[in-house]
Amino acid sequence: MPRPEQTERATPKRLEESRKKGQLARSTELAGAGIFLGAILAMHFFAGSDFGGLGPGTMVALSHIASYDPLTIDSVWGIFAKTLGSVVVVMALLFAIAFGLGVLLNVVQVGLLFTLQPLQPNFSKLNPLSGFKRIFSKQVAVNLLKQFIKLGAVAVILYSTVAGNLGFFLSLGEMSPYGVFGAVGSLIYSITFKFAVLLVIVGILDYAYERWNFMENQKMTKQEVKDEMRQAEGNPEVRGAVKRRQREFARRRMLSAVPRATVVVTNPTHFAVALEWDEVDMEAPVVVAKGADLVALRIREIAREAGVPILENPPLARTLYEKVALDQMVPPNLYAAVAQVIAFVYRLKRKTIA
């Protein structure tokens, strides 16, 4: 049972750790019921051919006994040899069906998993106090309830079947041995099939309960969730330091591109955007640096030191800062405004050279 403070749903990491330990939501009732139902249906299928020869063999034995012929070793061996091959084939098929259903139903419940962890010795199970607690645990009460349900179902099925077939039982003395064999076989199949279906229903309910109980037991405290997140994402202080270093590195890389810019457009103090344009290699001007406030001030300082023209155009500077990402080309709707700025810079350079 979860502790009162375990209020948080289990995280995928916790569930994966439990899976590796073999701790999963699984119903042995469902697996057993499925195997039992599969075996009953298989036997009913084989009954269509008299259980693959088992019926005729039994008929021979019953006829031999009814004729009052003495049973000898030779006669018994003859009956046994006649039916042995068919019986072995039927039993082998039943075993294969049961084994396949067992594997399939377990895979459906828990998926493909191979772990030896549940086989490792657990000395806590040897503690008498823990054993005493398990005797009076909720799980034991649930298992006891399931047994009572199955016993009650058997009683109801047997009573209803017998009560509804009293005439059949009275007429058995008038049937031939083979007729008795077939009629009793059909009655037994009816009883076992009903019981198998009920076991499957109980198994499905048991699986739903086991899954709910498993998720309840896997619940975590708020502190456990926080610790897991911290472990997965790293210490917040370390993570913050890494992000600061990454931002600083990106800022230095951006500022190192300012000296090769063609022009710096400003707002004039709040924003600064550095544009690079090469009419031979570029399709459109590229934003190589941009910033606000202190970063904008630093961009302007580097531009002055490198001799990059600085042009005040507040609307264009704000638009470039907000709409164009770093290292991206200017969009077509800004070509005209940027072209005017670059043309002005080129005219300014020609005047300076002259």
Protein backbone atom coordinates (compact mmCIF):
# COMPACT_ATOMS: atom_id res chain seq x y z
CA MET A 1 0.00 0.00 0.00
CA PRO A 2 1.28 3.51 -0.77
CA ARG A 3 2.13 5.80 2.11
CA PRO A 4 -0.20 8.79 2.69
CA GLU A 5 2.40 11.19 1.32
CA GLN A 6 2.69 9.23 -1.95
CA THR A 7 0.19 11.30 -3.92
CA GLU A 8 1.95 11.73 -7.28
CA ARG A 9 1.54 9.41 -10.25
CA ALA A 10 4.58 7.32 -11.05
CA THR A 11 6.89 8.83 -13.65
CA PRO A 12 7.94 6.86 -16.76
CA LYS A 13 11.40 6.48 -15.21
CA ARG A 14 9.98 4.92 -12.05
CA LEU A 15 7.80 2.55 -14.09
CA GLU A 16 10.77 1.54 -16.25
CA GLU A 17 12.88 0.82 -13.16
CA SER A 18 10.08 -1.33 -11.74
CA ARG A 19 9.79 -3.17 -15.05
CA LYS A 20 13.51 -4.01 -15.01
CA LYS A 21 13.00 -5.46 -11.53
CA GLY A 22 10.14 -7.62 -12.77
CA GLN A 23 7.55 -5.59 -10.85
CA LEU A 24 4.60 -5.44 -13.25
CA ALA A 25 0.82 -5.51 -13.30
CA ARG A 26 0.03 -9.12 -14.18
CA SER A 27 -2.89 -11.43 -13.44
CA THR A 28 -2.14 -15.12 -13.01
CA GLU A 29 -5.92 -15.63 -12.90
CA LEU A 30 -6.32 -14.33 -16.45
CA ALA A 31 -3.46 -16.44 -17.80
CA GLY A 32 -4.78 -19.60 -16.10
CA ALA A 33 -8.34 -18.94 -17.24
CA GLY A 34 -7.24 -18.40 -20.83
CA ILE A 35 -5.25 -21.64 -20.82
CA PHE A 36 -8.20 -23.54 -19.32
CA LEU A 37 -10.68 -22.13 -21.86
CA GLY A 38 -8.30 -22.87 -24.74
CA ALA A 39 -7.86 -26.46 -23.56
CA ILE A 40 -11.64 -26.96 -23.25
CA LEU A 41 -12.27 -25.60 -26.76
CA ALA A 42 -9.44 -27.72 -28.19
CA MET A 43 -10.82 -30.86 -26.56
CA HIS A 44 -14.27 -30.04 -27.91
CA PHE A 45 -12.76 -29.64 -31.38
CA PHE A 46 -11.01 -32.98 -31.13
CA ALA A 47 -14.27 -34.52 -29.89
CA GLY A 48 -15.61 -33.96 -33.41
CA SER A 49 -13.34 -36.82 -34.42
CA ASP A 50 -14.03 -38.76 -31.20
CA PHE A 51 -11.00 -37.28 -29.51
CA GLY A 52 -8.76 -38.50 -32.28
CA GLY A 53 -9.58 -42.16 -31.60
CA LEU A 54 -10.01 -41.96 -27.84
CA GLY A 55 -13.79 -42.38 -28.10
CA PRO A 56 -13.73 -45.53 -30.25
CA GLY A 57 -11.05 -47.02 -28.02
CA THR A 58 -13.18 -46.43 -24.96
CA MET A 59 -16.14 -47.90 -26.81
CA VAL A 60 -14.15 -51.07 -27.53
CA ALA A 61 -13.24 -51.39 -23.86
CA LEU A 62 -16.83 -50.88 -22.73
CA SER A 63 -18.13 -53.39 -25.29
CA HIS A 64 -15.53 -55.91 -24.16
CA ILE A 65 -16.58 -55.54 -20.54
CA ALA A 66 -20.28 -55.73 -21.47
CA SER A 67 -19.72 -59.03 -23.31
CA TYR A 68 -18.46 -60.62 -20.09
CA ASP A 69 -15.32 -61.79 -21.87
CA PRO A 70 -12.47 -62.18 -19.39
CA LEU A 71 -9.93 -59.35 -19.43
CA THR A 72 -6.45 -60.72 -20.13
CA ILE A 73 -3.07 -59.08 -20.48
CA ASP A 74 -3.25 -59.57 -24.23
CA SER A 75 -6.71 -58.05 -24.56
CA VAL A 76 -5.86 -55.07 -22.36
CA TRP A 77 -2.61 -54.52 -24.24
CA GLY A 78 -4.48 -54.64 -27.54
CA ILE A 79 -6.93 -51.94 -26.43
CA PHE A 80 -4.08 -49.87 -25.00
CA ALA A 81 -1.97 -50.16 -28.14
CA LYS A 82 -4.94 -49.28 -30.33
CA THR A 83 -5.64 -46.00 -28.55
CA LEU A 84 -2.16 -45.03 -27.35
CA GLY A 85 -1.02 -43.30 -30.54
CA SER A 86 -4.16 -41.18 -30.80
CA VAL A 87 -4.04 -40.26 -27.12
CA VAL A 88 -0.39 -39.19 -27.35
CA VAL A 89 -1.14 -36.96 -30.34
CA VAL A 90 -4.14 -35.36 -28.62
CA MET A 91 -2.24 -34.76 -25.37
CA ALA A 92 0.74 -33.30 -27.25
CA LEU A 93 -1.55 -30.88 -29.10
CA LEU A 94 -3.30 -29.89 -25.88
CA PHE A 95 0.04 -29.26 -24.20
CA ALA A 96 1.24 -27.16 -27.14
CA ILE A 97 -1.97 -25.11 -27.14
CA ALA A 98 -1.77 -24.55 -23.38
CA PHE A 99 1.89 -23.55 -23.58
CA GLY A 100 1.28 -21.16 -26.48
CA LEU A 101 -1.70 -19.53 -24.76
CA GLY A 102 0.29 -19.15 -21.55
CA VAL A 103 3.11 -17.35 -23.34
CA LEU A 104 0.71 -15.22 -25.41
CA LEU A 105 -1.42 -14.08 -22.45
CA ASN A 106 1.64 -13.12 -20.41
CA VAL A 107 3.15 -11.20 -23.33
CA VAL A 108 -0.16 -9.39 -23.86
CA GLN A 109 -0.16 -8.32 -20.20
CA VAL A 110 3.47 -7.30 -19.68
CA GLY A 111 5.12 -7.32 -23.12
CA LEU A 112 8.42 -9.00 -23.92
CA LEU A 113 10.59 -9.00 -20.81
CA PHE A 114 13.45 -11.15 -19.54
CA THR A 115 14.82 -10.49 -16.09
CA LEU A 116 16.34 -12.65 -13.35
CA GLN A 117 15.79 -10.05 -10.63
CA PRO A 118 12.68 -11.71 -9.13
CA LEU A 119 14.72 -14.92 -8.68
CA GLN A 120 17.32 -13.23 -6.50
CA PRO A 121 17.00 -14.07 -2.78
CA ASN A 122 15.11 -11.52 -0.72
CA PHE A 123 15.90 -12.00 2.96
CA SER A 124 13.18 -9.56 4.01
CA LYS A 125 10.66 -12.28 3.13
CA LEU A 126 12.15 -14.41 5.91
CA ASN A 127 11.17 -11.82 8.49
CA PRO A 128 8.35 -13.36 10.62
CA LEU A 129 6.83 -9.94 11.23
CA SER A 130 6.63 -9.22 7.49
CA GLY A 131 5.12 -12.65 6.90
CA PHE A 132 2.53 -12.04 9.61
CA LYS A 133 1.58 -8.74 7.99
CA ARG A 134 1.20 -10.43 4.61
CA ILE A 135 -1.22 -12.94 6.09
CA PHE A 136 -3.61 -10.13 6.99
CA SER A 137 -2.89 -7.93 3.97
CA LYS A 138 -5.41 -6.58 1.48
CA GLN A 139 -3.94 -8.82 -1.23
CA VAL A 140 -4.74 -11.95 0.77
CA ALA A 141 -8.31 -10.72 1.27
CA VAL A 142 -8.68 -10.11 -2.47
CA ASN A 143 -7.32 -13.58 -3.29
CA LEU A 144 -9.71 -15.14 -0.78
CA LEU A 145 -12.62 -13.27 -2.35
CA LYS A 146 -11.65 -14.60 -5.78
CA GLN A 147 -11.64 -18.17 -4.47
CA PHE A 148 -15.09 -17.71 -2.93
CA ILE A 149 -16.38 -16.34 -6.24
CA LYS A 150 -15.03 -19.35 -8.12
CA LEU A 151 -16.42 -21.84 -5.59
CA GLY A 152 -19.80 -20.13 -5.68
CA ALA A 153 -19.75 -20.18 -9.48
CA VAL A 154 -18.97 -23.91 -9.52
CA ALA A 155 -21.86 -24.59 -7.15
CA VAL A 156 -24.30 -22.51 -9.21
CA ILE A 157 -23.21 -24.04 -12.53
CA LEU A 158 -23.38 -27.61 -11.19
CA TYR A 159 -26.78 -27.09 -9.57
CA SER A 160 -28.32 -25.44 -12.62
CA THR A 161 -26.91 -28.11 -14.95
CA VAL A 162 -28.04 -31.06 -12.82
CA ALA A 163 -31.45 -29.52 -12.14
CA GLY A 164 -31.98 -28.91 -15.85
CA ASN A 165 -30.94 -32.44 -16.90
CA LEU A 166 -32.75 -34.73 -14.43
CA GLY A 167 -34.56 -36.44 -17.28
CA PHE A 168 -31.23 -37.05 -18.99
CA PHE A 169 -29.77 -38.77 -15.93
CA LEU A 170 -32.84 -40.99 -15.61
CA SER A 171 -32.51 -42.09 -19.22
CA LEU A 172 -28.84 -43.11 -19.02
CA GLY A 173 -29.75 -46.70 -18.20
CA GLU A 174 -31.56 -47.04 -21.52
CA MET A 175 -28.60 -45.81 -23.62
CA SER A 176 -25.86 -47.85 -25.25
CA PRO A 177 -22.34 -47.53 -23.79
CA TYR A 178 -21.28 -45.34 -26.69
CA GLY A 179 -24.36 -43.18 -26.28
CA VAL A 180 -23.60 -42.77 -22.57
CA PHE A 181 -20.04 -41.80 -23.40
CA GLY A 182 -21.12 -39.11 -25.88
CA ALA A 183 -23.94 -37.73 -23.74
CA VAL A 184 -21.83 -37.49 -20.59
CA GLY A 185 -19.03 -35.92 -22.61
CA SER A 186 -21.39 -33.22 -23.92
CA LEU A 187 -22.65 -32.53 -20.40
CA ILE A 188 -19.13 -32.25 -19.02
CA TYR A 189 -18.17 -29.91 -21.86
CA SER A 190 -21.16 -27.68 -21.12
CA ILE A 191 -20.22 -27.42 -17.45
CA THR A 192 -16.52 -26.83 -18.02
CA PHE A 193 -17.11 -24.29 -20.80
CA LYS A 194 -19.41 -22.20 -18.61
CA PHE A 195 -16.90 -22.37 -15.78
CA ALA A 196 -14.01 -21.43 -18.12
CA VAL A 197 -15.90 -18.38 -19.43
CA LEU A 198 -16.60 -17.29 -15.87
CA LEU A 199 -12.90 -17.73 -15.01
CA VAL A 200 -11.96 -15.50 -17.95
CA ILE A 201 -14.34 -12.80 -16.72
CA VAL A 202 -12.86 -13.07 -13.22
CA GLY A 203 -9.38 -12.94 -14.77
CA ILE A 204 -10.14 -9.73 -16.70
CA LEU A 205 -11.48 -8.10 -13.53
CA ASP A 206 -8.44 -9.35 -11.63
CA TYR A 207 -6.08 -7.84 -14.22
CA ALA A 208 -7.88 -4.50 -13.97
CA TYR A 209 -7.53 -4.65 -10.18
CA GLU A 210 -3.86 -5.69 -10.34
CA ARG A 211 -3.07 -2.81 -12.71
CA TRP A 212 -4.86 -0.31 -10.46
CA ASN A 213 -3.12 -1.72 -7.38
CA PHE A 214 0.26 -1.65 -9.12
CA MET A 215 -0.13 2.01 -10.13
CA GLU A 216 -1.22 2.88 -6.59
CA ASN A 217 1.85 1.17 -5.11
CA GLN A 218 4.10 2.94 -7.61
CA LYS A 219 2.95 6.40 -6.56
CA MET A 220 5.66 8.83 -5.50
CA THR A 221 5.99 11.65 -3.03
CA LYS A 222 6.37 15.22 -4.27
CA GLN A 223 9.96 15.19 -3.08
CA GLU A 224 10.74 12.00 -5.02
CA VAL A 225 9.36 13.59 -8.19
CA LYS A 226 11.48 16.72 -7.62
CA ASP A 227 14.60 14.63 -6.94
CA GLU A 228 14.04 12.62 -10.11
CA MET A 229 13.58 15.75 -12.21
CA ARG A 230 16.70 17.27 -10.68
CA GLN A 231 18.64 14.09 -11.39
CA ALA A 232 17.36 13.91 -14.98
CA GLU A 233 17.90 17.58 -15.81
CA GLY A 234 20.92 18.22 -13.64
CA ASN A 235 21.40 20.61 -10.74
CA PRO A 236 19.58 23.92 -11.39
CA GLU A 237 22.67 25.95 -10.47
CA VAL A 238 24.87 23.94 -12.81
CA ARG A 239 22.23 24.11 -15.54
CA GLY A 240 21.98 27.88 -15.09
CA ALA A 241 25.76 28.26 -15.28
CA VAL A 242 25.85 26.24 -18.50
CA LYS A 243 23.11 28.37 -20.05
CA ARG A 244 24.95 31.55 -19.04
CA ARG A 245 28.14 30.30 -20.67
CA GLN A 246 26.21 29.38 -23.80
CA ARG A 247 24.64 32.84 -23.96
CA GLU A 248 28.00 34.50 -23.40
CA PHE A 249 29.61 32.41 -26.12
CA ALA A 250 26.76 33.24 -28.55
CA ARG A 251 27.04 36.95 -27.69
CA ARG A 252 30.83 37.00 -28.30
CA ARG A 253 30.39 35.14 -31.58
CA MET A 254 27.72 37.63 -32.65
CA LEU A 255 29.81 40.68 -31.71
CA SER A 256 32.82 39.28 -33.60
CA ALA A 257 30.73 39.56 -36.79
CA VAL A 258 30.10 43.31 -36.39
CA PRO A 259 33.41 44.46 -37.99
CA ARG A 260 32.51 42.79 -41.29
CA ALA A 261 29.03 44.35 -41.39
CA THR A 262 28.09 46.75 -44.19
CA VAL A 263 25.99 49.03 -42.01
CA VAL A 264 24.56 49.23 -38.47
CA VAL A 265 20.96 50.49 -38.23
CA THR A 266 20.06 52.03 -34.84
CA ASN A 267 16.99 53.30 -32.95
CA PRO A 268 19.17 55.32 -32.00
CA THR A 269 19.97 54.01 -28.48
CA HIS A 270 17.56 51.17 -27.73
CA PHE A 271 18.22 48.90 -30.73
CA ALA A 272 21.11 48.18 -33.05
CA VAL A 273 21.10 45.80 -36.01
CA ALA A 274 24.20 45.02 -38.06
CA LEU A 275 23.60 44.10 -41.72
CA GLU A 276 26.06 42.44 -44.09
CA TRP A 277 25.62 42.65 -47.84
CA ASP A 278 27.70 41.18 -50.64
CA GLU A 279 26.12 41.71 -54.03
CA VAL A 280 28.18 38.86 -55.53
CA ASP A 281 27.66 36.06 -52.97
CA MET A 282 24.40 36.99 -51.23
CA GLU A 283 20.81 36.99 -52.43
CA ALA A 284 19.80 39.53 -49.79
CA PRO A 285 21.37 41.36 -46.82
CA VAL A 286 21.89 39.22 -43.68
CA VAL A 287 21.46 40.22 -40.02
CA VAL A 288 24.85 39.31 -38.48
CA ALA A 289 24.29 41.00 -35.08
CA LYS A 290 21.48 42.62 -33.17
CA GLY A 291 20.79 43.71 -29.63
CA ALA A 292 18.96 46.04 -27.28
CA ASP A 293 20.19 48.51 -24.66
CA LEU A 294 23.67 47.47 -23.43
CA VAL A 295 24.20 44.99 -26.26
CA ALA A 296 23.14 47.67 -28.75
CA LEU A 297 25.63 50.04 -27.16
CA ARG A 298 28.41 47.48 -27.53
CA ILE A 299 27.48 46.88 -31.19
CA ARG A 300 27.74 50.61 -31.90
CA GLU A 301 31.12 50.83 -30.12
CA ILE A 302 32.58 47.94 -32.14
CA ALA A 303 31.16 49.42 -35.35
CA ARG A 304 32.84 52.80 -34.66
CA GLU A 305 36.16 51.09 -33.90
CA ALA A 306 35.93 49.05 -37.12
CA GLY A 307 34.78 51.99 -39.24
CA VAL A 308 31.38 50.47 -40.03
CA PRO A 309 28.81 53.15 -40.97
CA ILE A 310 26.06 53.70 -38.34
CA LEU A 311 22.72 54.97 -39.62
CA GLU A 312 19.78 56.02 -37.45
CA ASN A 313 16.48 54.67 -38.76
CA PRO A 314 14.22 53.85 -35.75
CA PRO A 315 11.33 52.17 -37.63
CA LEU A 316 13.65 49.96 -39.66
CA ALA A 317 15.87 49.14 -36.67
CA ARG A 318 12.89 48.06 -34.54
CA THR A 319 11.37 46.00 -37.37
CA LEU A 320 14.65 44.23 -38.12
CA TYR A 321 15.21 43.53 -34.42
CA GLU A 322 11.73 42.07 -33.88
CA LYS A 323 11.09 40.32 -37.21
CA VAL A 324 14.43 38.97 -38.46
CA ALA A 325 16.38 36.28 -36.61
CA LEU A 326 20.13 36.31 -36.24
CA ASP A 327 22.03 35.06 -39.33
CA GLN A 328 18.84 35.22 -41.39
CA MET A 329 18.31 37.15 -44.65
CA VAL A 330 16.11 40.21 -44.73
CA PRO A 331 12.59 39.27 -45.92
CA PRO A 332 11.34 40.62 -49.27
CA ASN A 333 8.91 43.07 -47.68
CA LEU A 334 11.91 44.96 -46.21
CA TYR A 335 14.05 44.97 -49.36
CA ALA A 336 13.09 48.52 -50.32
CA ALA A 337 13.85 50.06 -46.92
CA VAL A 338 17.14 48.15 -46.55
CA ALA A 339 18.17 48.97 -50.13
CA GLN A 340 17.79 52.67 -49.41
CA VAL A 341 20.04 52.32 -46.36
CA ILE A 342 22.72 50.40 -48.24
CA ALA A 343 22.54 52.78 -51.19
CA PHE A 344 23.06 55.68 -48.80
CA VAL A 345 26.09 53.91 -47.31
CA TYR A 346 27.59 53.31 -50.78
CA ARG A 347 27.09 56.97 -51.71
CA LEU A 348 28.70 57.96 -48.43
CA LYS A 349 31.71 55.75 -49.13
CA ARG A 350 32.12 57.17 -52.66
CA LYS A 351 32.08 60.72 -51.25
CA THR A 352 34.64 59.75 -48.65
CA ILE A 353 36.95 58.25 -51.27
CA ALA A 354 36.54 61.29 -53.52
